[in-house]
Amino acid sequence: MTLEVVNLGLPKSGTTTLARALQEAGYKVADHRLKDKEEDRPGKRRIFVANLLYRGLYEHDDPMALLQDYSAISEMSFIHGNHSVWPQCDFMLLRALKARYPALKFIATRRDAAAHSASIMRWNNLGTTRLPNNPVPGLPVGYGKTTGEQIRWINSHHDALRHWFRDDPDFLEIDVADDDAQSRVATFLGRDLPWWGKANVNRKAQA
């Protein structure tokens, strides 16, 4: 299977919404972890998309070598235990993907930065512990625990993407809350998207 779409958005930027939209449109989507390939037993080892991408790059000269069953990636990064891996910030890896798959399209999901930060703060311990306690591109250890720091980080990530992908017709930044988000993504991909909405909504936000 050929890789067709990669999302470069940060966690809680609408990555799960995009994952479902792509799945409904017929893509085989790798979203953060490959839960269907993990063993259901105590102490099971989680299988993260980011780890497989780097293993593919360095062991097989193809980031997708261990993800051949997938045509789209909706969330790339993870923080777990002592590991913090952010492929959407690694332009060496992204160039390697594009070189292998010239027709590949990059999407960058985003939200209003203040709303995005509020979602991060509500999501388990992502904003309170994992971001400030781990090395993250743009957030050295000790940073990322306040809304102001997160907003700067979110906006800077998208500024960097716009710089690196300037004038690139295969790059689309999309605010998932925009009324025309569904139609813009569909036009960009050249494929009908039968579903668009909110997925993985934080229960705390609804309380």
N, C-alpha and C. Protein backbone atom coordinates (compact mmCIF):
# COMPACT_ATOMS: atom_id res chain seq x y z
N MET A 1 0.85 -1.20 0.00
CA MET A 1 0.00 0.00 0.00
C MET A 1 0.88 1.24 0.00
N THR A 2 0.50 2.27 -0.75
CA THR A 2 1.30 3.48 -0.87
C THR A 2 0.84 4.54 0.13
N LEU A 3 1.79 5.17 0.79
CA LEU A 3 1.46 6.26 1.70
C LEU A 3 0.97 7.46 0.90
N GLU A 4 -0.22 7.98 1.28
CA GLU A 4 -0.82 9.08 0.53
C GLU A 4 -0.99 10.36 1.35
N VAL A 5 -1.20 10.23 2.66
CA VAL A 5 -1.50 11.40 3.49
C VAL A 5 -0.78 11.28 4.83
N VAL A 6 -0.17 12.38 5.27
CA VAL A 6 0.45 12.45 6.60
C VAL A 6 0.00 13.75 7.27
N ASN A 7 -0.45 13.64 8.51
CA ASN A 7 -0.83 14.82 9.28
C ASN A 7 0.34 15.26 10.15
N LEU A 8 0.63 16.55 10.14
CA LEU A 8 1.73 17.13 10.91
C LEU A 8 1.23 17.92 12.12
N GLY A 9 -0.05 17.78 12.44
CA GLY A 9 -0.62 18.50 13.57
C GLY A 9 -0.12 17.97 14.90
N LEU A 10 -0.19 18.81 15.93
CA LEU A 10 0.20 18.43 17.28
C LEU A 10 -0.93 17.67 17.96
N PRO A 11 -0.64 16.96 19.05
CA PRO A 11 -1.71 16.27 19.79
C PRO A 11 -2.82 17.22 20.20
N LYS A 12 -4.06 16.75 20.14
CA LYS A 12 -5.26 17.50 20.50
C LYS A 12 -5.57 18.62 19.51
N SER A 13 -5.04 18.51 18.30
CA SER A 13 -5.30 19.53 17.27
C SER A 13 -6.40 19.10 16.31
N GLY A 14 -7.06 17.98 16.59
CA GLY A 14 -8.05 17.44 15.67
C GLY A 14 -7.54 16.21 14.94
N THR A 15 -6.50 15.59 15.47
CA THR A 15 -5.91 14.43 14.80
C THR A 15 -6.87 13.25 14.72
N THR A 16 -7.66 13.03 15.77
CA THR A 16 -8.59 11.91 15.75
C THR A 16 -9.76 12.18 14.82
N THR A 17 -10.19 13.44 14.75
CA THR A 17 -11.21 13.82 13.77
C THR A 17 -10.73 13.52 12.36
N LEU A 18 -9.50 13.92 12.06
CA LEU A 18 -8.96 13.64 10.73
C LEU A 18 -8.84 12.15 10.50
N ALA A 19 -8.42 11.40 11.53
CA ALA A 19 -8.29 9.95 11.38
C ALA A 19 -9.61 9.33 10.96
N ARG A 20 -10.68 9.70 11.65
CA ARG A 20 -11.98 9.12 11.30
C ARG A 20 -12.42 9.56 9.91
N ALA A 21 -12.20 10.83 9.58
CA ALA A 21 -12.59 11.31 8.25
C ALA A 21 -11.87 10.54 7.15
N LEU A 22 -10.58 10.29 7.35
CA LEU A 22 -9.81 9.54 6.36
C LEU A 22 -10.26 8.08 6.30
N GLN A 23 -10.54 7.49 7.45
CA GLN A 23 -11.03 6.11 7.47
C GLN A 23 -12.35 5.99 6.73
N GLU A 24 -13.26 6.93 6.97
CA GLU A 24 -14.56 6.90 6.29
C GLU A 24 -14.40 7.10 4.79
N ALA A 25 -13.31 7.75 4.38
CA ALA A 25 -13.05 7.98 2.96
C ALA A 25 -12.30 6.82 2.30
N GLY A 26 -11.97 5.79 3.10
CA GLY A 26 -11.36 4.60 2.51
C GLY A 26 -9.87 4.44 2.72
N TYR A 27 -9.24 5.36 3.46
CA TYR A 27 -7.82 5.22 3.76
C TYR A 27 -7.62 4.23 4.91
N LYS A 28 -6.49 3.54 4.90
CA LYS A 28 -6.09 2.72 6.05
C LYS A 28 -5.18 3.59 6.90
N VAL A 29 -5.65 3.96 8.09
CA VAL A 29 -5.02 5.01 8.88
C VAL A 29 -4.25 4.46 10.07
N ALA A 30 -3.01 4.90 10.22
CA ALA A 30 -2.21 4.64 11.42
C ALA A 30 -2.33 5.88 12.30
N ASP A 31 -2.88 5.70 13.51
CA ASP A 31 -3.19 6.83 14.37
C ASP A 31 -2.51 6.67 15.73
N HIS A 32 -1.30 7.23 15.86
CA HIS A 32 -0.58 7.29 17.13
C HIS A 32 -0.02 5.93 17.55
N ARG A 33 -0.88 4.94 17.80
CA ARG A 33 -0.47 3.58 18.17
C ARG A 33 -1.17 2.58 17.28
N LEU A 34 -0.53 1.43 17.09
CA LEU A 34 -1.16 0.33 16.36
C LEU A 34 -1.73 -0.63 17.40
N LYS A 35 -2.87 -0.27 17.95
CA LYS A 35 -3.44 -1.03 19.06
C LYS A 35 -3.84 -2.44 18.62
N ASP A 36 -4.22 -2.59 17.37
CA ASP A 36 -4.66 -3.91 16.90
C ASP A 36 -3.49 -4.90 16.79
N LYS A 37 -2.27 -4.39 16.82
CA LYS A 37 -1.10 -5.27 16.72
C LYS A 37 -0.43 -5.51 18.08
N GLU A 38 -0.95 -4.88 19.11
CA GLU A 38 -0.39 -5.06 20.45
C GLU A 38 -0.97 -6.30 21.12
N GLU A 39 -0.21 -6.90 21.99
CA GLU A 39 -0.67 -8.08 22.71
C GLU A 39 -1.46 -7.68 23.94
N ASP A 40 -2.61 -8.31 24.14
CA ASP A 40 -3.47 -8.00 25.26
C ASP A 40 -3.03 -8.80 26.49
N ARG A 41 -1.99 -8.30 27.14
CA ARG A 41 -1.48 -8.98 28.32
C ARG A 41 -0.82 -7.95 29.23
N PRO A 42 -0.70 -8.23 30.52
CA PRO A 42 -0.06 -7.29 31.44
C PRO A 42 1.36 -6.93 30.99
N GLY A 43 1.69 -5.66 31.07
CA GLY A 43 3.03 -5.23 30.69
C GLY A 43 3.27 -5.25 29.20
N LYS A 44 2.20 -5.31 28.42
CA LYS A 44 2.37 -5.38 26.96
C LYS A 44 3.16 -4.16 26.46
N ARG A 45 3.86 -4.36 25.41
CA ARG A 45 4.66 -3.29 24.84
C ARG A 45 3.83 -2.53 23.81
N ARG A 46 3.69 -1.25 24.02
CA ARG A 46 2.92 -0.44 23.09
C ARG A 46 3.67 -0.26 21.77
N ILE A 47 2.94 -0.23 20.69
CA ILE A 47 3.53 -0.08 19.37
C ILE A 47 3.15 1.31 18.84
N PHE A 48 4.13 2.20 18.82
CA PHE A 48 3.89 3.58 18.40
C PHE A 48 4.31 3.78 16.95
N VAL A 49 3.49 4.55 16.22
CA VAL A 49 3.78 4.86 14.83
C VAL A 49 5.15 5.52 14.70
N ALA A 50 5.46 6.46 15.59
CA ALA A 50 6.73 7.19 15.49
C ALA A 50 7.93 6.26 15.56
N ASN A 51 7.90 5.30 16.47
CA ASN A 51 9.02 4.36 16.58
C ASN A 51 9.19 3.55 15.30
N LEU A 52 8.08 3.13 14.71
CA LEU A 52 8.16 2.34 13.48
C LEU A 52 8.70 3.17 12.32
N LEU A 53 8.35 4.45 12.29
CA LEU A 53 8.87 5.32 11.23
C LEU A 53 10.39 5.43 11.31
N TYR A 54 10.92 5.62 12.50
CA TYR A 54 12.38 5.75 12.63
C TYR A 54 13.09 4.42 12.42
N ARG A 55 12.50 3.33 12.88
CA ARG A 55 13.09 2.03 12.59
C ARG A 55 13.13 1.78 11.09
N GLY A 56 12.06 2.13 10.41
CA GLY A 56 12.03 1.96 8.96
C GLY A 56 13.11 2.78 8.28
N LEU A 57 13.27 4.02 8.72
CA LEU A 57 14.26 4.91 8.11
C LEU A 57 15.67 4.39 8.30
N TYR A 58 16.03 4.03 9.54
CA TYR A 58 17.41 3.68 9.83
C TYR A 58 17.76 2.22 9.59
N GLU A 59 16.77 1.35 9.63
CA GLU A 59 17.06 -0.07 9.42
C GLU A 59 16.75 -0.53 8.00
N HIS A 60 15.87 0.21 7.29
CA HIS A 60 15.44 -0.24 5.97
C HIS A 60 15.50 0.85 4.90
N ASP A 61 15.96 2.04 5.25
CA ASP A 61 16.06 3.16 4.32
C ASP A 61 14.70 3.58 3.77
N ASP A 62 13.63 3.27 4.49
CA ASP A 62 12.28 3.65 4.09
C ASP A 62 11.46 3.81 5.37
N PRO A 63 11.04 5.04 5.72
CA PRO A 63 10.29 5.22 6.96
C PRO A 63 9.03 4.36 7.06
N MET A 64 8.46 3.99 5.93
CA MET A 64 7.22 3.22 5.93
C MET A 64 7.45 1.71 5.79
N ALA A 65 8.68 1.27 5.89
CA ALA A 65 8.99 -0.14 5.67
C ALA A 65 8.21 -1.05 6.62
N LEU A 66 7.95 -0.59 7.83
CA LEU A 66 7.24 -1.40 8.82
C LEU A 66 5.78 -0.99 8.95
N LEU A 67 5.33 -0.15 8.02
CA LEU A 67 3.95 0.33 8.03
C LEU A 67 3.31 0.18 6.65
N GLN A 68 3.66 -0.88 5.97
CA GLN A 68 3.24 -1.06 4.60
C GLN A 68 1.74 -1.26 4.42
N ASP A 69 1.04 -1.58 5.51
CA ASP A 69 -0.41 -1.80 5.43
C ASP A 69 -1.21 -0.50 5.49
N TYR A 70 -0.53 0.65 5.61
CA TYR A 70 -1.23 1.90 5.87
C TYR A 70 -1.02 2.90 4.73
N SER A 71 -2.07 3.66 4.44
CA SER A 71 -1.99 4.69 3.40
C SER A 71 -2.07 6.11 3.97
N ALA A 72 -2.27 6.21 5.29
CA ALA A 72 -2.36 7.53 5.92
C ALA A 72 -1.87 7.46 7.37
N ILE A 73 -1.30 8.56 7.83
CA ILE A 73 -0.90 8.71 9.24
C ILE A 73 -1.58 9.96 9.77
N SER A 74 -2.34 9.81 10.86
CA SER A 74 -3.10 10.94 11.38
C SER A 74 -2.47 11.58 12.61
N GLU A 75 -1.72 10.81 13.39
CA GLU A 75 -0.96 11.39 14.50
C GLU A 75 0.36 10.66 14.62
N MET A 76 1.46 11.43 14.68
CA MET A 76 2.79 10.83 14.59
C MET A 76 3.53 10.77 15.92
N SER A 77 3.31 11.74 16.79
CA SER A 77 4.15 11.87 17.98
C SER A 77 3.62 11.08 19.17
N PHE A 78 4.48 10.90 20.18
CA PHE A 78 4.04 10.30 21.43
C PHE A 78 5.01 10.66 22.55
N ILE A 79 4.48 10.66 23.78
CA ILE A 79 5.29 10.73 25.00
C ILE A 79 4.83 9.57 25.87
N HIS A 80 5.77 8.69 26.19
CA HIS A 80 5.41 7.53 27.01
C HIS A 80 6.66 7.08 27.76
N GLY A 81 6.53 6.95 29.08
CA GLY A 81 7.70 6.56 29.85
C GLY A 81 8.81 7.57 29.69
N ASN A 82 10.00 7.09 29.32
CA ASN A 82 11.14 7.98 29.11
C ASN A 82 11.32 8.38 27.66
N HIS A 83 10.32 8.13 26.83
CA HIS A 83 10.45 8.39 25.40
C HIS A 83 9.54 9.53 24.97
N SER A 84 10.08 10.45 24.21
CA SER A 84 9.35 11.59 23.66
C SER A 84 9.79 11.75 22.21
N VAL A 85 8.91 11.40 21.27
CA VAL A 85 9.29 11.32 19.86
C VAL A 85 8.31 12.13 19.02
N TRP A 86 8.84 13.04 18.18
CA TRP A 86 8.01 14.01 17.46
C TRP A 86 8.40 14.08 15.97
N PRO A 87 7.99 13.12 15.17
CA PRO A 87 8.37 13.11 13.76
C PRO A 87 7.86 14.31 12.97
N GLN A 88 6.72 14.90 13.38
CA GLN A 88 6.18 16.03 12.63
C GLN A 88 7.05 17.27 12.74
N CYS A 89 8.04 17.24 13.62
CA CYS A 89 8.99 18.35 13.76
C CYS A 89 10.36 18.02 13.16
N ASP A 90 10.48 16.86 12.55
CA ASP A 90 11.76 16.38 12.02
C ASP A 90 11.73 16.44 10.49
N PHE A 91 12.29 17.51 9.94
CA PHE A 91 12.19 17.69 8.50
C PHE A 91 13.11 16.76 7.73
N MET A 92 14.10 16.17 8.38
CA MET A 92 14.89 15.13 7.74
C MET A 92 13.99 13.93 7.44
N LEU A 93 13.21 13.52 8.43
CA LEU A 93 12.30 12.39 8.24
C LEU A 93 11.22 12.72 7.21
N LEU A 94 10.67 13.93 7.27
CA LEU A 94 9.62 14.31 6.33
C LEU A 94 10.14 14.35 4.90
N ARG A 95 11.36 14.81 4.71
CA ARG A 95 11.96 14.81 3.37
C ARG A 95 12.18 13.38 2.88
N ALA A 96 12.55 12.48 3.81
CA ALA A 96 12.74 11.08 3.43
C ALA A 96 11.41 10.46 3.00
N LEU A 97 10.33 10.81 3.67
CA LEU A 97 9.01 10.31 3.27
C LEU A 97 8.64 10.83 1.89
N LYS A 98 8.85 12.12 1.65
CA LYS A 98 8.50 12.71 0.37
C LYS A 98 9.34 12.13 -0.76
N ALA A 99 10.61 11.86 -0.48
CA ALA A 99 11.49 11.29 -1.50
C ALA A 99 11.01 9.89 -1.90
N ARG A 100 10.54 9.12 -0.92
CA ARG A 100 10.06 7.77 -1.19
C ARG A 100 8.68 7.76 -1.84
N TYR A 101 7.85 8.75 -1.46
CA TYR A 101 6.46 8.79 -1.92
C TYR A 101 6.18 10.19 -2.48
N PRO A 102 6.59 10.45 -3.72
CA PRO A 102 6.51 11.80 -4.29
C PRO A 102 5.11 12.39 -4.34
N ALA A 103 4.09 11.56 -4.39
CA ALA A 103 2.71 12.07 -4.45
C ALA A 103 2.13 12.32 -3.06
N LEU A 104 2.92 12.12 -2.02
CA LEU A 104 2.46 12.27 -0.65
C LEU A 104 1.97 13.70 -0.38
N LYS A 105 0.84 13.79 0.33
CA LYS A 105 0.29 15.08 0.72
C LYS A 105 0.37 15.24 2.24
N PHE A 106 0.79 16.42 2.67
CA PHE A 106 0.91 16.74 4.08
C PHE A 106 -0.23 17.67 4.51
N ILE A 107 -0.90 17.29 5.59
CA ILE A 107 -1.93 18.13 6.20
C ILE A 107 -1.43 18.53 7.59
N ALA A 108 -1.72 19.75 7.99
CA ALA A 108 -1.40 20.19 9.36
C ALA A 108 -2.70 20.63 10.02
N THR A 109 -3.28 19.76 10.85
CA THR A 109 -4.48 20.14 11.57
C THR A 109 -4.14 21.13 12.67
N ARG A 110 -5.04 22.07 12.87
CA ARG A 110 -4.82 23.04 13.93
C ARG A 110 -6.16 23.51 14.48
N ARG A 111 -6.11 24.17 15.64
CA ARG A 111 -7.26 24.80 16.27
C ARG A 111 -6.83 26.16 16.76
N ASP A 112 -7.78 26.97 17.19
CA ASP A 112 -7.41 28.19 17.91
C ASP A 112 -6.44 27.82 19.01
N ALA A 113 -5.32 28.53 19.10
CA ALA A 113 -4.24 28.11 20.00
C ALA A 113 -4.68 28.09 21.47
N ALA A 114 -5.51 29.03 21.89
CA ALA A 114 -5.95 29.05 23.28
C ALA A 114 -6.85 27.85 23.57
N ALA A 115 -7.75 27.54 22.64
CA ALA A 115 -8.62 26.38 22.80
C ALA A 115 -7.81 25.09 22.75
N HIS A 116 -6.81 25.07 21.90
CA HIS A 116 -5.93 23.90 21.79
C HIS A 116 -5.21 23.67 23.11
N SER A 117 -4.65 24.73 23.68
CA SER A 117 -3.96 24.61 24.96
C SER A 117 -4.91 24.14 26.06
N ALA A 118 -6.13 24.67 26.08
CA ALA A 118 -7.10 24.25 27.09
C ALA A 118 -7.39 22.76 26.98
N SER A 119 -7.45 22.25 25.75
CA SER A 119 -7.68 20.82 25.55
C SER A 119 -6.49 20.00 26.03
N ILE A 120 -5.29 20.48 25.75
CA ILE A 120 -4.08 19.81 26.24
C ILE A 120 -4.10 19.74 27.77
N MET A 121 -4.47 20.83 28.41
CA MET A 121 -4.49 20.88 29.87
C MET A 121 -5.50 19.91 30.47
N ARG A 122 -6.57 19.65 29.74
CA ARG A 122 -7.61 18.76 30.26
C ARG A 122 -7.33 17.30 29.97
N TRP A 123 -6.38 17.03 29.06
CA TRP A 123 -6.20 15.66 28.59
C TRP A 123 -5.22 14.89 29.48
N ASN A 124 -5.77 14.14 30.43
CA ASN A 124 -4.95 13.37 31.35
C ASN A 124 -3.86 14.27 31.95
N ASN A 125 -2.60 13.87 31.86
CA ASN A 125 -1.52 14.69 32.41
C ASN A 125 -0.63 15.26 31.31
N LEU A 126 -1.18 15.39 30.11
CA LEU A 126 -0.37 15.85 28.99
C LEU A 126 0.23 17.22 29.23
N GLY A 127 -0.61 18.20 29.64
CA GLY A 127 -0.11 19.55 29.83
C GLY A 127 0.53 19.79 31.17
N THR A 128 0.10 19.05 32.18
CA THR A 128 0.60 19.29 33.53
C THR A 128 1.90 18.57 33.84
N THR A 129 2.12 17.43 33.16
CA THR A 129 3.29 16.61 33.50
C THR A 129 4.13 16.22 32.28
N ARG A 130 3.49 15.61 31.30
CA ARG A 130 4.28 15.01 30.21
C ARG A 130 4.99 16.04 29.35
N LEU A 131 4.32 17.11 28.95
CA LEU A 131 5.01 18.12 28.14
C LEU A 131 6.14 18.80 28.91
N PRO A 132 5.90 19.33 30.12
CA PRO A 132 7.00 20.03 30.81
C PRO A 132 8.11 19.12 31.32
N ASN A 133 7.84 17.82 31.46
CA ASN A 133 8.85 16.93 32.04
C ASN A 133 9.63 16.13 31.00
N ASN A 134 9.39 16.38 29.73
CA ASN A 134 10.07 15.64 28.68
C ASN A 134 10.61 16.59 27.62
N PRO A 135 11.71 16.21 26.95
CA PRO A 135 12.21 17.05 25.87
C PRO A 135 11.28 16.98 24.66
N VAL A 136 10.79 18.13 24.24
CA VAL A 136 9.88 18.24 23.10
C VAL A 136 10.43 19.33 22.19
N PRO A 137 10.44 19.16 20.87
CA PRO A 137 10.94 20.22 19.99
C PRO A 137 10.22 21.55 20.28
N GLY A 138 10.97 22.56 20.65
CA GLY A 138 10.41 23.85 20.99
C GLY A 138 10.06 24.01 22.44
N LEU A 139 10.07 22.91 23.20
CA LEU A 139 9.76 22.94 24.63
C LEU A 139 10.80 22.14 25.39
N PRO A 140 11.94 22.71 25.71
CA PRO A 140 12.92 21.99 26.54
C PRO A 140 12.28 21.62 27.88
N VAL A 141 12.88 20.66 28.56
CA VAL A 141 12.37 20.23 29.86
C VAL A 141 12.18 21.43 30.78
N GLY A 142 11.02 21.50 31.39
CA GLY A 142 10.70 22.62 32.28
C GLY A 142 9.74 23.61 31.66
N TYR A 143 9.53 23.52 30.35
CA TYR A 143 8.62 24.44 29.66
C TYR A 143 7.40 23.68 29.13
N GLY A 144 6.30 24.41 28.98
CA GLY A 144 5.08 23.81 28.46
C GLY A 144 4.03 23.58 29.51
N LYS A 145 4.28 24.02 30.73
CA LYS A 145 3.32 23.78 31.81
C LYS A 145 2.29 24.88 31.95
N THR A 146 2.46 26.00 31.24
CA THR A 146 1.49 27.09 31.33
C THR A 146 0.81 27.28 29.98
N THR A 147 -0.36 27.88 30.02
CA THR A 147 -1.10 28.15 28.79
C THR A 147 -0.29 29.05 27.85
N GLY A 148 0.35 30.07 28.41
CA GLY A 148 1.13 30.98 27.57
C GLY A 148 2.26 30.28 26.84
N GLU A 149 2.95 29.39 27.53
CA GLU A 149 4.05 28.65 26.90
C GLU A 149 3.51 27.71 25.83
N GLN A 150 2.40 27.08 26.09
CA GLN A 150 1.82 26.18 25.10
C GLN A 150 1.34 26.92 23.86
N ILE A 151 0.72 28.08 24.06
CA ILE A 151 0.25 28.86 22.91
C ILE A 151 1.43 29.27 22.03
N ARG A 152 2.52 29.73 22.65
CA ARG A 152 3.71 30.09 21.88
C ARG A 152 4.22 28.88 21.09
N TRP A 153 4.26 27.72 21.74
CA TRP A 153 4.73 26.48 21.11
C TRP A 153 3.84 26.09 19.93
N ILE A 154 2.54 26.12 20.13
CA ILE A 154 1.58 25.75 19.08
C ILE A 154 1.74 26.67 17.87
N ASN A 155 1.73 27.97 18.12
CA ASN A 155 1.84 28.92 17.00
C ASN A 155 3.18 28.81 16.30
N SER A 156 4.25 28.59 17.06
CA SER A 156 5.58 28.47 16.46
C SER A 156 5.69 27.20 15.60
N HIS A 157 5.05 26.13 16.03
CA HIS A 157 5.06 24.90 15.22
C HIS A 157 4.45 25.18 13.85
N HIS A 158 3.33 25.87 13.82
CA HIS A 158 2.69 26.14 12.53
C HIS A 158 3.45 27.19 11.72
N ASP A 159 4.09 28.13 12.38
CA ASP A 159 4.95 29.07 11.66
C ASP A 159 6.08 28.31 10.96
N ALA A 160 6.67 27.34 11.67
CA ALA A 160 7.76 26.55 11.09
C ALA A 160 7.28 25.74 9.90
N LEU A 161 6.09 25.13 10.03
CA LEU A 161 5.55 24.34 8.90
C LEU A 161 5.30 25.23 7.70
N ARG A 162 4.75 26.42 7.92
CA ARG A 162 4.50 27.33 6.79
C ARG A 162 5.81 27.73 6.12
N HIS A 163 6.85 27.89 6.91
CA HIS A 163 8.15 28.24 6.34
C HIS A 163 8.70 27.09 5.50
N TRP A 164 8.72 25.89 6.06
CA TRP A 164 9.32 24.76 5.37
C TRP A 164 8.51 24.32 4.15
N PHE A 165 7.20 24.50 4.20
CA PHE A 165 6.35 24.06 3.09
C PHE A 165 5.81 25.21 2.26
N ARG A 166 6.45 26.38 2.35
CA ARG A 166 5.98 27.54 1.61
C ARG A 166 5.95 27.22 0.10
N ASP A 167 4.85 27.62 -0.53
CA ASP A 167 4.66 27.44 -1.98
C ASP A 167 4.58 25.98 -2.39
N ASP A 168 4.37 25.08 -1.43
CA ASP A 168 4.28 23.65 -1.75
C ASP A 168 2.80 23.28 -1.94
N PRO A 169 2.39 22.88 -3.14
CA PRO A 169 0.98 22.55 -3.38
C PRO A 169 0.54 21.28 -2.67
N ASP A 170 1.49 20.51 -2.15
CA ASP A 170 1.14 19.27 -1.44
C ASP A 170 1.08 19.46 0.07
N PHE A 171 0.92 20.70 0.51
CA PHE A 171 0.78 21.00 1.94
C PHE A 171 -0.47 21.81 2.17
N LEU A 172 -1.25 21.41 3.21
CA LEU A 172 -2.46 22.14 3.57
C LEU A 172 -2.54 22.28 5.08
N GLU A 173 -2.63 23.52 5.56
CA GLU A 173 -2.91 23.76 6.96
C GLU A 173 -4.41 23.99 7.09
N ILE A 174 -5.04 23.32 8.06
CA ILE A 174 -6.49 23.40 8.16
C ILE A 174 -6.92 23.54 9.61
N ASP A 175 -7.75 24.54 9.89
CA ASP A 175 -8.39 24.65 11.19
C ASP A 175 -9.59 23.72 11.17
N VAL A 176 -9.58 22.71 12.02
CA VAL A 176 -10.62 21.68 11.95
C VAL A 176 -11.99 22.22 12.31
N ALA A 177 -12.06 23.41 12.92
CA ALA A 177 -13.35 23.99 13.31
C ALA A 177 -13.95 24.87 12.22
N ASP A 178 -13.20 25.15 11.16
CA ASP A 178 -13.72 25.99 10.09
C ASP A 178 -14.90 25.31 9.40
N ASP A 179 -15.87 26.12 8.99
CA ASP A 179 -17.06 25.58 8.33
C ASP A 179 -16.72 24.86 7.03
N ASP A 180 -15.66 25.29 6.36
CA ASP A 180 -15.31 24.68 5.08
C ASP A 180 -14.18 23.67 5.19
N ALA A 181 -13.85 23.24 6.42
CA ALA A 181 -12.72 22.32 6.60
C ALA A 181 -12.92 21.03 5.81
N GLN A 182 -14.09 20.44 5.88
CA GLN A 182 -14.35 19.19 5.19
C GLN A 182 -14.16 19.33 3.68
N SER A 183 -14.73 20.37 3.10
CA SER A 183 -14.63 20.54 1.65
C SER A 183 -13.21 20.87 1.22
N ARG A 184 -12.48 21.64 2.03
CA ARG A 184 -11.10 21.99 1.67
C ARG A 184 -10.20 20.76 1.70
N VAL A 185 -10.36 19.91 2.72
CA VAL A 185 -9.55 18.69 2.79
C VAL A 185 -9.91 17.76 1.64
N ALA A 186 -11.20 17.64 1.33
CA ALA A 186 -11.63 16.78 0.23
C ALA A 186 -11.04 17.25 -1.10
N THR A 187 -11.09 18.56 -1.34
CA THR A 187 -10.52 19.11 -2.57
C THR A 187 -9.02 18.88 -2.63
N PHE A 188 -8.35 19.09 -1.51
CA PHE A 188 -6.90 18.91 -1.44
C PHE A 188 -6.50 17.48 -1.75
N LEU A 189 -7.25 16.52 -1.22
CA LEU A 189 -6.94 15.10 -1.43
C LEU A 189 -7.50 14.56 -2.74
N GLY A 190 -8.45 15.28 -3.32
CA GLY A 190 -9.09 14.78 -4.53
C GLY A 190 -9.95 13.56 -4.27
N ARG A 191 -10.56 13.53 -3.07
CA ARG A 191 -11.40 12.40 -2.69
C ARG A 191 -12.54 12.89 -1.80
N ASP A 192 -13.71 12.35 -1.99
CA ASP A 192 -14.86 12.73 -1.19
C ASP A 192 -14.66 12.30 0.26
N LEU A 193 -15.01 13.20 1.19
CA LEU A 193 -14.97 12.89 2.61
C LEU A 193 -16.41 12.82 3.11
N PRO A 194 -16.94 11.61 3.31
CA PRO A 194 -18.35 11.49 3.70
C PRO A 194 -18.63 11.89 5.14
N TRP A 195 -17.57 12.01 5.97
CA TRP A 195 -17.79 12.36 7.39
C TRP A 195 -16.82 13.44 7.82
N TRP A 196 -17.33 14.35 8.66
CA TRP A 196 -16.48 15.34 9.33
C TRP A 196 -17.21 15.77 10.60
N GLY A 197 -16.51 15.85 11.71
CA GLY A 197 -17.16 16.24 12.95
C GLY A 197 -16.16 16.33 14.08
N LYS A 198 -16.57 15.93 15.28
CA LYS A 198 -15.68 15.93 16.44
C LYS A 198 -15.51 14.50 16.93
N ALA A 199 -14.26 14.08 17.04
CA ALA A 199 -13.95 12.74 17.56
C ALA A 199 -13.01 12.89 18.74
N ASN A 200 -13.02 11.90 19.65
CA ASN A 200 -12.16 11.92 20.82
C ASN A 200 -12.36 13.16 21.68
N VAL A 201 -13.64 13.53 21.87
CA VAL A 201 -13.95 14.73 22.65
C VAL A 201 -13.64 14.46 24.13
N ASN A 202 -13.02 15.44 24.76
CA ASN A 202 -12.67 15.33 26.17
C ASN A 202 -13.93 15.41 27.03
N ARG A 203 -14.19 14.40 27.83
CA ARG A 203 -15.40 14.38 28.67
C ARG A 203 -15.42 15.53 29.67
N LYS A 204 -14.25 15.96 30.13
CA LYS A 204 -14.19 17.06 31.08
C LYS A 204 -14.73 18.36 30.47
N ALA A 205 -14.52 18.50 29.16
CA ALA A 205 -14.98 19.72 28.49
C ALA A 205 -16.49 19.74 28.39
N GLN A 206 -17.13 18.57 28.49
CA GLN A 206 -18.56 18.49 28.36
C GLN A 206 -19.27 18.55 29.71
N ALA A 207 -18.49 18.46 30.79
CA ALA A 207 -19.10 18.42 32.13
C ALA A 207 -19.68 19.77 32.53
